[in-house]
Full PDB file with SEQRES, HELIX, SHEET, SSBOND, CRYST1, ORIGX, SCALE, CONECT and MASTER records, all heavy atoms in Angstrom:
SEQRES   1 A   32  ASP VAL PHE PHE LYS VAL ASN ARG LYS PHE ILE ILE ASN          
SEQRES   2 A   32  LYS LYS ALA ILE SER GLU ILE ILE LYS HIS SER SER GLN          
SEQRES   3 A   32  LYS VAL GLU LEU LYS LEU                                      
HELIX    1 AA1 LYS A   14  ALA A   16  5                                   3    
SHEET    1 AA1 2 PHE A   3  LYS A   5  0                                        
SHEET    2 AA1 2 ILE A  11  ASN A  13 -1                                        
SHEET    1 AA2 2 GLU A  19  SER A  24  0                                        
SHEET    2 AA2 2 LYS A  27  LYS A  31 -1                                        
CRYST1    1.000    1.000    1.000  90.00  90.00  90.00 P 1           1          
ORIGX1      1.000000  0.000000  0.000000        0.00000                         
ORIGX2      0.000000  1.000000  0.000000        0.00000                         
ORIGX3      0.000000  0.000000  1.000000        0.00000                         
SCALE1      1.000000  0.000000  0.000000        0.00000                         
SCALE2      0.000000  1.000000  0.000000        0.00000                         
SCALE3      0.000000  0.000000  1.000000        0.00000                         
ATOM      1  N   ASP A   1       0.831  -1.225   0.018  1.00  0.00           N  
ATOM      2  CA  ASP A   1       0.001   0.001  -0.001  1.00  0.00           C  
ATOM      3  C   ASP A   1       0.858   1.274  -0.005  1.00  0.00           C  
ATOM      4  O   ASP A   1       0.392   2.332  -0.379  1.00  0.00           O  
ATOM      5  CB  ASP A   1      -0.912   0.023   1.218  1.00  0.00           C  
ATOM      6  CG  ASP A   1      -1.958  -1.105   1.188  1.00  0.00           C  
ATOM      7  OD1 ASP A   1      -2.362  -1.450   0.074  1.00  0.00           O  
ATOM      8  OD2 ASP A   1      -2.325  -1.609   2.252  1.00  0.00           O  
ATOM      9  N   VAL A   2       2.102   1.111   0.446  1.00  0.00           N  
ATOM     10  CA  VAL A   2       2.995   2.279   0.574  1.00  0.00           C  
ATOM     11  C   VAL A   2       4.023   2.334  -0.549  1.00  0.00           C  
ATOM     12  O   VAL A   2       4.294   3.398  -1.104  1.00  0.00           O  
ATOM     13  CB  VAL A   2       3.736   2.214   1.932  1.00  0.00           C  
ATOM     14  CG1 VAL A   2       4.745   3.382   2.061  1.00  0.00           C  
ATOM     15  CG2 VAL A   2       2.744   2.252   3.082  1.00  0.00           C  
ATOM     16  N   PHE A   3       4.581   1.181  -0.922  1.00  0.00           N  
ATOM     17  CA  PHE A   3       5.671   1.122  -1.884  1.00  0.00           C  
ATOM     18  C   PHE A   3       5.249   0.419  -3.187  1.00  0.00           C  
ATOM     19  O   PHE A   3       4.469  -0.530  -3.165  1.00  0.00           O  
ATOM     20  CB  PHE A   3       6.896   0.402  -1.300  1.00  0.00           C  
ATOM     21  CG  PHE A   3       7.526   1.147  -0.149  1.00  0.00           C  
ATOM     22  CD1 PHE A   3       7.252   0.804   1.164  1.00  0.00           C  
ATOM     23  CD2 PHE A   3       8.464   2.143  -0.381  1.00  0.00           C  
ATOM     24  CE1 PHE A   3       7.851   1.462   2.224  1.00  0.00           C  
ATOM     25  CE2 PHE A   3       9.076   2.792   0.657  1.00  0.00           C  
ATOM     26  CZ  PHE A   3       8.746   2.476   1.962  1.00  0.00           C  
ATOM     27  N   PHE A   4       5.848   0.865  -4.291  1.00  0.00           N  
ATOM     28  CA  PHE A   4       5.587   0.222  -5.597  1.00  0.00           C  
ATOM     29  C   PHE A   4       6.890   0.230  -6.413  1.00  0.00           C  
ATOM     30  O   PHE A   4       7.611   1.232  -6.440  1.00  0.00           O  
ATOM     31  CB  PHE A   4       4.510   0.990  -6.367  1.00  0.00           C  
ATOM     32  CG  PHE A   4       3.992   0.264  -7.549  1.00  0.00           C  
ATOM     33  CD1 PHE A   4       2.902  -0.578  -7.464  1.00  0.00           C  
ATOM     34  CD2 PHE A   4       4.582   0.459  -8.804  1.00  0.00           C  
ATOM     35  CE1 PHE A   4       2.405  -1.238  -8.570  1.00  0.00           C  
ATOM     36  CE2 PHE A   4       4.111  -0.221  -9.932  1.00  0.00           C  
ATOM     37  CZ  PHE A   4       3.028  -1.076  -9.801  1.00  0.00           C  
ATOM     38  N   LYS A   5       7.183  -0.879  -7.056  1.00  0.00           N  
ATOM     39  CA  LYS A   5       8.358  -0.987  -7.934  1.00  0.00           C  
ATOM     40  C   LYS A   5       7.928  -0.480  -9.329  1.00  0.00           C  
ATOM     41  O   LYS A   5       7.276  -1.192 -10.082  1.00  0.00           O  
ATOM     42  CB  LYS A   5       8.842  -2.439  -7.997  1.00  0.00           C  
ATOM     43  CG  LYS A   5      10.067  -2.653  -8.853  1.00  0.00           C  
ATOM     44  CD  LYS A   5      10.565  -4.111  -8.660  1.00  0.00           C  
ATOM     45  CE  LYS A   5      11.749  -4.393  -9.532  1.00  0.00           C  
ATOM     46  NZ  LYS A   5      11.370  -4.624 -10.926  1.00  0.00           N  
ATOM     47  N   VAL A   6       8.338   0.751  -9.665  1.00  0.00           N  
ATOM     48  CA  VAL A   6       7.865   1.363 -10.902  1.00  0.00           C  
ATOM     49  C   VAL A   6       8.702   0.934 -12.117  1.00  0.00           C  
ATOM     50  O   VAL A   6       8.212   1.002 -13.265  1.00  0.00           O  
ATOM     51  CB  VAL A   6       7.876   2.904 -10.799  1.00  0.00           C  
ATOM     52  CG1 VAL A   6       6.924   3.374  -9.726  1.00  0.00           C  
ATOM     53  CG2 VAL A   6       9.285   3.434 -10.527  1.00  0.00           C  
ATOM     54  N   ASN A   7       9.932   0.532 -11.900  1.00  0.00           N  
ATOM     55  CA  ASN A   7      10.787  -0.006 -12.965  1.00  0.00           C  
ATOM     56  C   ASN A   7      11.877  -0.838 -12.323  1.00  0.00           C  
ATOM     57  O   ASN A   7      11.843  -1.085 -11.118  1.00  0.00           O  
ATOM     58  CB  ASN A   7      11.341   1.112 -13.871  1.00  0.00           C  
ATOM     59  CG  ASN A   7      12.110   2.159 -13.080  1.00  0.00           C  
ATOM     60  OD1 ASN A   7      12.886   1.838 -12.154  1.00  0.00           O  
ATOM     61  ND2 ASN A   7      11.907   3.418 -13.417  1.00  0.00           N  
ATOM     62  N   ARG A   8      12.856  -1.252 -13.113  1.00  0.00           N  
ATOM     63  CA  ARG A   8      13.834  -2.178 -12.573  1.00  0.00           C  
ATOM     64  C   ARG A   8      14.858  -1.512 -11.637  1.00  0.00           C  
ATOM     65  O   ARG A   8      15.660  -2.185 -11.009  1.00  0.00           O  
ATOM     66  CB  ARG A   8      14.584  -2.909 -13.702  1.00  0.00           C  
ATOM     67  CG  ARG A   8      15.460  -2.030 -14.542  1.00  0.00           C  
ATOM     68  CD  ARG A   8      16.061  -2.796 -15.720  1.00  0.00           C  
ATOM     69  NE  ARG A   8      16.972  -1.966 -16.487  1.00  0.00           N  
ATOM     70  CZ  ARG A   8      18.273  -1.841 -16.218  1.00  0.00           C  
ATOM     71  NH1 ARG A   8      18.787  -2.478 -15.210  1.00  0.00           N  
ATOM     72  NH2 ARG A   8      19.028  -1.080 -16.970  1.00  0.00           N  
ATOM     73  N   LYS A   9      14.779  -0.171 -11.528  1.00  0.00           N  
ATOM     74  CA  LYS A   9      15.720   0.553 -10.693  1.00  0.00           C  
ATOM     75  C   LYS A   9      15.090   1.217  -9.477  1.00  0.00           C  
ATOM     76  O   LYS A   9      15.779   1.448  -8.479  1.00  0.00           O  
ATOM     77  CB  LYS A   9      16.467   1.616 -11.496  1.00  0.00           C  
ATOM     78  CG  LYS A   9      17.423   1.044 -12.516  1.00  0.00           C  
ATOM     79  CD  LYS A   9      18.224   2.157 -13.190  1.00  0.00           C  
ATOM     80  CE  LYS A   9      19.270   1.597 -14.143  1.00  0.00           C  
ATOM     81  NZ  LYS A   9      20.070   2.672 -14.770  1.00  0.00           N  
ATOM     82  N   PHE A  10      13.790   1.525  -9.531  1.00  0.00           N  
ATOM     83  CA  PHE A  10      13.190   2.334  -8.458  1.00  0.00           C  
ATOM     84  C   PHE A  10      11.975   1.643  -7.801  1.00  0.00           C  
ATOM     85  O   PHE A  10      11.089   1.144  -8.480  1.00  0.00           O  
ATOM     86  CB  PHE A  10      12.715   3.671  -9.005  1.00  0.00           C  
ATOM     87  CG  PHE A  10      13.800   4.731  -9.065  1.00  0.00           C  
ATOM     88  CD1 PHE A  10      14.612   4.823 -10.153  1.00  0.00           C  
ATOM     89  CD2 PHE A  10      13.996   5.596  -7.997  1.00  0.00           C  
ATOM     90  CE1 PHE A  10      15.632   5.787 -10.198  1.00  0.00           C  
ATOM     91  CE2 PHE A  10      14.985   6.562  -8.045  1.00  0.00           C  
ATOM     92  CZ  PHE A  10      15.815   6.651  -9.155  1.00  0.00           C  
ATOM     93  N   ILE A  11      11.986   1.678  -6.469  1.00  0.00           N  
ATOM     94  CA  ILE A  11      10.812   1.373  -5.640  1.00  0.00           C  
ATOM     95  C   ILE A  11      10.509   2.639  -4.897  1.00  0.00           C  
ATOM     96  O   ILE A  11      11.355   3.181  -4.171  1.00  0.00           O  
ATOM     97  CB  ILE A  11      11.099   0.218  -4.665  1.00  0.00           C  
ATOM     98  CG1 ILE A  11      11.409  -1.091  -5.387  1.00  0.00           C  
ATOM     99  CG2 ILE A  11       9.915   0.039  -3.719  1.00  0.00           C  
ATOM    100  CD1 ILE A  11      11.873  -2.196  -4.468  1.00  0.00           C  
ATOM    101  N   ILE A  12       9.289   3.144  -5.043  1.00  0.00           N  
ATOM    102  CA  ILE A  12       9.001   4.457  -4.471  1.00  0.00           C  
ATOM    103  C   ILE A  12       7.887   4.404  -3.445  1.00  0.00           C  
ATOM    104  O   ILE A  12       7.000   3.547  -3.504  1.00  0.00           O  
ATOM    105  CB  ILE A  12       8.571   5.463  -5.616  1.00  0.00           C  
ATOM    106  CG1 ILE A  12       7.318   4.942  -6.322  1.00  0.00           C  
ATOM    107  CG2 ILE A  12       9.701   5.683  -6.593  1.00  0.00           C  
ATOM    108  CD1 ILE A  12       6.723   5.943  -7.313  1.00  0.00           C  
ATOM    109  N   ASN A  13       8.001   5.308  -2.502  1.00  0.00           N  
ATOM    110  CA  ASN A  13       6.919   5.544  -1.521  1.00  0.00           C  
ATOM    111  C   ASN A  13       5.900   6.484  -2.196  1.00  0.00           C  
ATOM    112  O   ASN A  13       6.277   7.462  -2.819  1.00  0.00           O  
ATOM    113  CB  ASN A  13       7.506   6.229  -0.276  1.00  0.00           C  
ATOM    114  CG  ASN A  13       6.483   6.388   0.834  1.00  0.00           C  
ATOM    115  OD1 ASN A  13       5.301   6.629   0.600  1.00  0.00           O  
ATOM    116  ND2 ASN A  13       6.949   6.241   2.079  1.00  0.00           N  
ATOM    117  N   LYS A  14       4.644   6.170  -2.075  1.00  0.00           N  
ATOM    118  CA  LYS A  14       3.612   6.959  -2.748  1.00  0.00           C  
ATOM    119  C   LYS A  14       3.694   8.447  -2.381  1.00  0.00           C  
ATOM    120  O   LYS A  14       3.462   9.302  -3.241  1.00  0.00           O  
ATOM    121  CB  LYS A  14       2.240   6.392  -2.342  1.00  0.00           C  
ATOM    122  CG  LYS A  14       1.072   6.984  -3.084  1.00  0.00           C  
ATOM    123  CD  LYS A  14      -0.258   6.386  -2.589  1.00  0.00           C  
ATOM    124  CE  LYS A  14      -0.369   4.916  -2.882  1.00  0.00           C  
ATOM    125  NZ  LYS A  14      -1.672   4.358  -2.507  1.00  0.00           N  
ATOM    126  N   LYS A  15       4.070   8.724  -1.133  1.00  0.00           N  
ATOM    127  CA  LYS A  15       4.122  10.114  -0.698  1.00  0.00           C  
ATOM    128  C   LYS A  15       5.354  10.873  -1.201  1.00  0.00           C  
ATOM    129  O   LYS A  15       5.477  12.080  -0.977  1.00  0.00           O  
ATOM    130  CB  LYS A  15       4.051  10.155   0.821  1.00  0.00           C  
ATOM    131  CG  LYS A  15       2.704   9.655   1.362  1.00  0.00           C  
ATOM    132  CD  LYS A  15       2.640   9.827   2.863  1.00  0.00           C  
ATOM    133  CE  LYS A  15       1.264   9.382   3.375  1.00  0.00           C  
ATOM    134  NZ  LYS A  15       1.148   9.483   4.870  1.00  0.00           N  
ATOM    135  N   ALA A  16       6.273  10.168  -1.883  1.00  0.00           N  
ATOM    136  CA  ALA A  16       7.444  10.824  -2.438  1.00  0.00           C  
ATOM    137  C   ALA A  16       7.175  11.395  -3.839  1.00  0.00           C  
ATOM    138  O   ALA A  16       8.064  12.071  -4.390  1.00  0.00           O  
ATOM    139  CB  ALA A  16       8.646   9.866  -2.478  1.00  0.00           C  
ATOM    140  N   ILE A  17       6.037  11.102  -4.407  1.00  0.00           N  
ATOM    141  CA  ILE A  17       5.719  11.590  -5.750  1.00  0.00           C  
ATOM    142  C   ILE A  17       5.195  13.016  -5.685  1.00  0.00           C  
ATOM    143  O   ILE A  17       4.193  13.274  -5.025  1.00  0.00           O  
ATOM    144  CB  ILE A  17       4.663  10.676  -6.417  1.00  0.00           C  
ATOM    145  CG1 ILE A  17       5.167   9.235  -6.513  1.00  0.00           C  
ATOM    146  CG2 ILE A  17       4.304  11.174  -7.811  1.00  0.00           C  
ATOM    147  CD1 ILE A  17       4.138   8.245  -6.958  1.00  0.00           C  
ATOM    148  N   SER A  18       5.867  13.904  -6.382  1.00  0.00           N  
ATOM    149  CA  SER A  18       5.470  15.313  -6.377  1.00  0.00           C  
ATOM    150  C   SER A  18       4.692  15.666  -7.656  1.00  0.00           C  
ATOM    151  O   SER A  18       3.893  16.629  -7.656  1.00  0.00           O  
ATOM    152  CB  SER A  18       6.679  16.229  -6.263  1.00  0.00           C  
ATOM    153  OG  SER A  18       7.575  16.047  -7.340  1.00  0.00           O  
ATOM    154  N   GLU A  19       4.898  14.912  -8.725  1.00  0.00           N  
ATOM    155  CA  GLU A  19       4.248  15.219  -9.992  1.00  0.00           C  
ATOM    156  C   GLU A  19       4.236  14.015 -10.917  1.00  0.00           C  
ATOM    157  O   GLU A  19       5.170  13.197 -10.885  1.00  0.00           O  
ATOM    158  CB  GLU A  19       4.978  16.369 -10.690  1.00  0.00           C  
ATOM    159  CG  GLU A  19       4.261  17.009 -11.868  1.00  0.00           C  
ATOM    160  CD  GLU A  19       4.965  18.189 -12.429  1.00  0.00           C  
ATOM    161  OE1 GLU A  19       6.115  18.521 -11.952  1.00  0.00           O  
ATOM    162  OE2 GLU A  19       4.449  18.853 -13.345  1.00  0.00           O  
ATOM    163  N   ILE A  20       3.165  13.876 -11.694  1.00  0.00           N  
ATOM    164  CA  ILE A  20       3.051  12.780 -12.679  1.00  0.00           C  
ATOM    165  C   ILE A  20       2.926  13.445 -14.052  1.00  0.00           C  
ATOM    166  O   ILE A  20       2.014  14.243 -14.302  1.00  0.00           O  
ATOM    167  CB  ILE A  20       1.844  11.901 -12.417  1.00  0.00           C  
ATOM    168  CG1 ILE A  20       1.919  11.294 -10.990  1.00  0.00           C  
ATOM    169  CG2 ILE A  20       1.778  10.763 -13.435  1.00  0.00           C  
ATOM    170  CD1 ILE A  20       0.663  10.539 -10.582  1.00  0.00           C  
ATOM    171  N   ILE A  21       3.828  13.064 -14.966  1.00  0.00           N  
ATOM    172  CA  ILE A  21       3.834  13.648 -16.301  1.00  0.00           C  
ATOM    173  C   ILE A  21       3.586  12.539 -17.319  1.00  0.00           C  
ATOM    174  O   ILE A  21       4.331  11.581 -17.438  1.00  0.00           O  
ATOM    175  CB  ILE A  21       5.195  14.306 -16.629  1.00  0.00           C  
ATOM    176  CG1 ILE A  21       5.508  15.407 -15.575  1.00  0.00           C  
ATOM    177  CG2 ILE A  21       5.170  14.940 -18.036  1.00  0.00           C  
ATOM    178  CD1 ILE A  21       6.878  15.977 -15.711  1.00  0.00           C  
ATOM    179  N   LYS A  22       2.482  12.685 -18.067  1.00  0.00           N  
ATOM    180  CA  LYS A  22       2.111  11.678 -19.079  1.00  0.00           C  
ATOM    181  C   LYS A  22       2.586  12.163 -20.438  1.00  0.00           C  
ATOM    182  O   LYS A  22       1.960  12.999 -21.080  1.00  0.00           O  
ATOM    183  CB  LYS A  22       0.607  11.459 -19.065  1.00  0.00           C  
ATOM    184  CG  LYS A  22       0.175  10.295 -19.927  1.00  0.00           C  
ATOM    185  CD  LYS A  22      -1.332  10.024 -19.753  1.00  0.00           C  
ATOM    186  CE  LYS A  22      -1.759   8.808 -20.558  1.00  0.00           C  
ATOM    187  NZ  LYS A  22      -3.200   8.531 -20.413  1.00  0.00           N  
ATOM    188  N   HIS A  23       3.702  11.637 -20.909  1.00  0.00           N  
ATOM    189  CA  HIS A  23       4.238  11.990 -22.217  1.00  0.00           C  
ATOM    190  C   HIS A  23       3.426  11.354 -23.338  1.00  0.00           C  
ATOM    191  O   HIS A  23       3.235  11.912 -24.394  1.00  0.00           O  
ATOM    192  CB  HIS A  23       5.698  11.568 -22.337  1.00  0.00           C  
ATOM    193  CG  HIS A  23       6.601  12.251 -21.366  1.00  0.00           C  
ATOM    194  ND1 HIS A  23       7.088  13.529 -21.561  1.00  0.00           N  
ATOM    195  CD2 HIS A  23       7.102  11.855 -20.155  1.00  0.00           C  
ATOM    196  CE1 HIS A  23       7.855  13.884 -20.529  1.00  0.00           C  
ATOM    197  NE2 HIS A  23       7.885  12.868 -19.653  1.00  0.00           N  
ATOM    198  N   SER A  24       2.963  10.103 -23.085  1.00  0.00           N  
ATOM    199  CA  SER A  24       2.103   9.370 -24.008  1.00  0.00           C  
ATOM    200  C   SER A  24       1.431   8.270 -23.221  1.00  0.00           C  
ATOM    201  O   SER A  24       1.672   8.112 -22.015  1.00  0.00           O  
ATOM    202  CB  SER A  24       2.910   8.791 -25.190  1.00  0.00           C  
ATOM    203  OG  SER A  24       3.762   7.757 -24.729  1.00  0.00           O  
ATOM    204  N   SER A  25       0.594   7.468 -23.914  1.00  0.00           N  
ATOM    205  CA  SER A  25      -0.116   6.391 -23.188  1.00  0.00           C  
ATOM    206  C   SER A  25       0.867   5.322 -22.700  1.00  0.00           C  
ATOM    207  O   SER A  25       0.533   4.565 -21.775  1.00  0.00           O  
ATOM    208  CB  SER A  25      -1.138   5.738 -24.134  1.00  0.00           C  
ATOM    209  OG  SER A  25      -0.507   5.154 -25.254  1.00  0.00           O  
ATOM    210  N   GLN A  26       2.046   5.272 -23.280  1.00  0.00           N  
ATOM    211  CA  GLN A  26       3.033   4.263 -22.872  1.00  0.00           C  
ATOM    212  C   GLN A  26       4.280   4.854 -22.266  1.00  0.00           C  
ATOM    213  O   GLN A  26       5.278   4.146 -22.075  1.00  0.00           O  
ATOM    214  CB  GLN A  26       3.423   3.421 -24.126  1.00  0.00           C  
ATOM    215  CG  GLN A  26       2.254   2.652 -24.723  1.00  0.00           C  
ATOM    216  CD  GLN A  26       2.666   1.842 -25.916  1.00  0.00           C  
ATOM    217  OE1 GLN A  26       3.786   1.956 -26.396  1.00  0.00           O  
ATOM    218  NE2 GLN A  26       1.764   1.005 -26.417  1.00  0.00           N  
ATOM    219  N   LYS A  27       4.235   6.130 -21.931  1.00  0.00           N  
ATOM    220  CA  LYS A  27       5.392   6.794 -21.319  1.00  0.00           C  
ATOM    221  C   LYS A  27       4.950   7.760 -20.254  1.00  0.00           C  
ATOM    222  O   LYS A  27       4.493   8.844 -20.548  1.00  0.00           O  
ATOM    223  CB  LYS A  27       6.234   7.494 -22.440  1.00  0.00           C  
ATOM    224  CG  LYS A  27       7.589   7.965 -21.957  1.00  0.00           C  
ATOM    225  CD  LYS A  27       8.407   8.504 -23.159  1.00  0.00           C  
ATOM    226  CE  LYS A  27       9.778   8.910 -22.706  1.00  0.00           C  
ATOM    227  NZ  LYS A  27      10.590   9.448 -23.839  1.00  0.00           N  
ATOM    228  N   VAL A  28       5.080   7.324 -19.011  1.00  0.00           N  
ATOM    229  CA  VAL A  28       4.655   8.153 -17.880  1.00  0.00           C  
ATOM    230  C   VAL A  28       5.856   8.381 -16.958  1.00  0.00           C  
ATOM    231  O   VAL A  28       6.532   7.427 -16.555  1.00  0.00           O  
ATOM    232  CB  VAL A  28       3.525   7.477 -17.081  1.00  0.00           C  
ATOM    233  CG1 VAL A  28       3.121   8.328 -15.895  1.00  0.00           C  
ATOM    234  CG2 VAL A  28       2.318   7.218 -17.995  1.00  0.00           C  
ATOM    235  N   GLU A  29       6.136   9.646 -16.641  1.00  0.00           N  
ATOM    236  CA  GLU A  29       7.266  10.041 -15.827  1.00  0.00           C  
ATOM    237  C   GLU A  29       6.799  10.488 -14.452  1.00  0.00           C  
ATOM    238  O   GLU A  29       5.754  11.123 -14.317  1.00  0.00           O  
ATOM    239  CB  GLU A  29       8.051  11.157 -16.520  1.00  0.00           C  
ATOM    240  CG  GLU A  29       9.288  11.589 -15.754  1.00  0.00           C  
ATOM    241  CD  GLU A  29      10.047  12.702 -16.449  1.00  0.00           C  
ATOM    242  OE1 GLU A  29       9.531  13.204 -17.478  1.00  0.00           O  
ATOM    243  OE2 GLU A  29      11.117  13.125 -15.933  1.00  0.00           O  
ATOM    244  N   LEU A  30       7.579  10.123 -13.433  1.00  0.00           N  
ATOM    245  CA  LEU A  30       7.282  10.524 -12.066  1.00  0.00           C  
ATOM    246  C   LEU A  30       8.350  11.493 -11.591  1.00  0.00           C  
ATOM    247  O   LEU A  30       9.569  11.253 -11.715  1.00  0.00           O  
ATOM    248  CB  LEU A  30       7.256   9.322 -11.155  1.00  0.00           C  
ATOM    249  CG  LEU A  30       6.216   8.217 -11.452  1.00  0.00           C  
ATOM    250  CD1 LEU A  30       6.378   7.061 -10.469  1.00  0.00           C  
ATOM    251  CD2 LEU A  30       4.802   8.777 -11.412  1.00  0.00           C  
ATOM    252  N   LYS A  31       7.923  12.631 -11.051  1.00  0.00           N  
ATOM    253  CA  LYS A  31       8.826  13.557 -10.392  1.00  0.00           C  
ATOM    254  C   LYS A  31       8.772  13.234  -8.889  1.00  0.00           C  
ATOM    255  O   LYS A  31       7.700  13.147  -8.307  1.00  0.00           O  
ATOM    256  CB  LYS A  31       8.385  15.002 -10.621  1.00  0.00           C  
ATOM    257  CG  LYS A  31       8.494  15.436 -12.087  1.00  0.00           C  
ATOM    258  CD  LYS A  31       9.946  15.486 -12.550  1.00  0.00           C  
ATOM    259  CE  LYS A  31      10.041  16.035 -13.960  1.00  0.00           C  
ATOM    260  NZ  LYS A  31      11.465  16.072 -14.447  1.00  0.00           N  
ATOM    261  N   LEU A  32       9.944  13.045  -8.313  1.00  0.00           N  
ATOM    262  CA  LEU A  32      10.019  12.652  -6.922  1.00  0.00           C  
ATOM    263  C   LEU A  32      10.616  13.766  -6.059  1.00  0.00           C  
ATOM    264  O   LEU A  32      11.376  14.598  -6.519  1.00  0.00           O  
ATOM    265  CB  LEU A  32      10.890  11.388  -6.790  1.00  0.00           C  
ATOM    266  CG  LEU A  32      10.493  10.183  -7.640  1.00  0.00           C  
ATOM    267  CD1 LEU A  32      11.451   9.020  -7.359  1.00  0.00           C  
ATOM    268  CD2 LEU A  32       9.036   9.765  -7.341  1.00  0.00           C  
TER     269      LEU A  32                                                      
MASTER        0    0    0    1    4    0    0    6  268    1    0    3          
END                                                                             
C-alpha cells in the first residue's frame, strides 16, 4: 500500500511523488 516498484531501478513511496507527467499512453514520468 506504501511502496511500488515502478521499474527495474526504483521502488517508491507513494508520498514521495510530487508530480506525474504523461508523455504518451506508454510513457509516464514521475517527479520525486
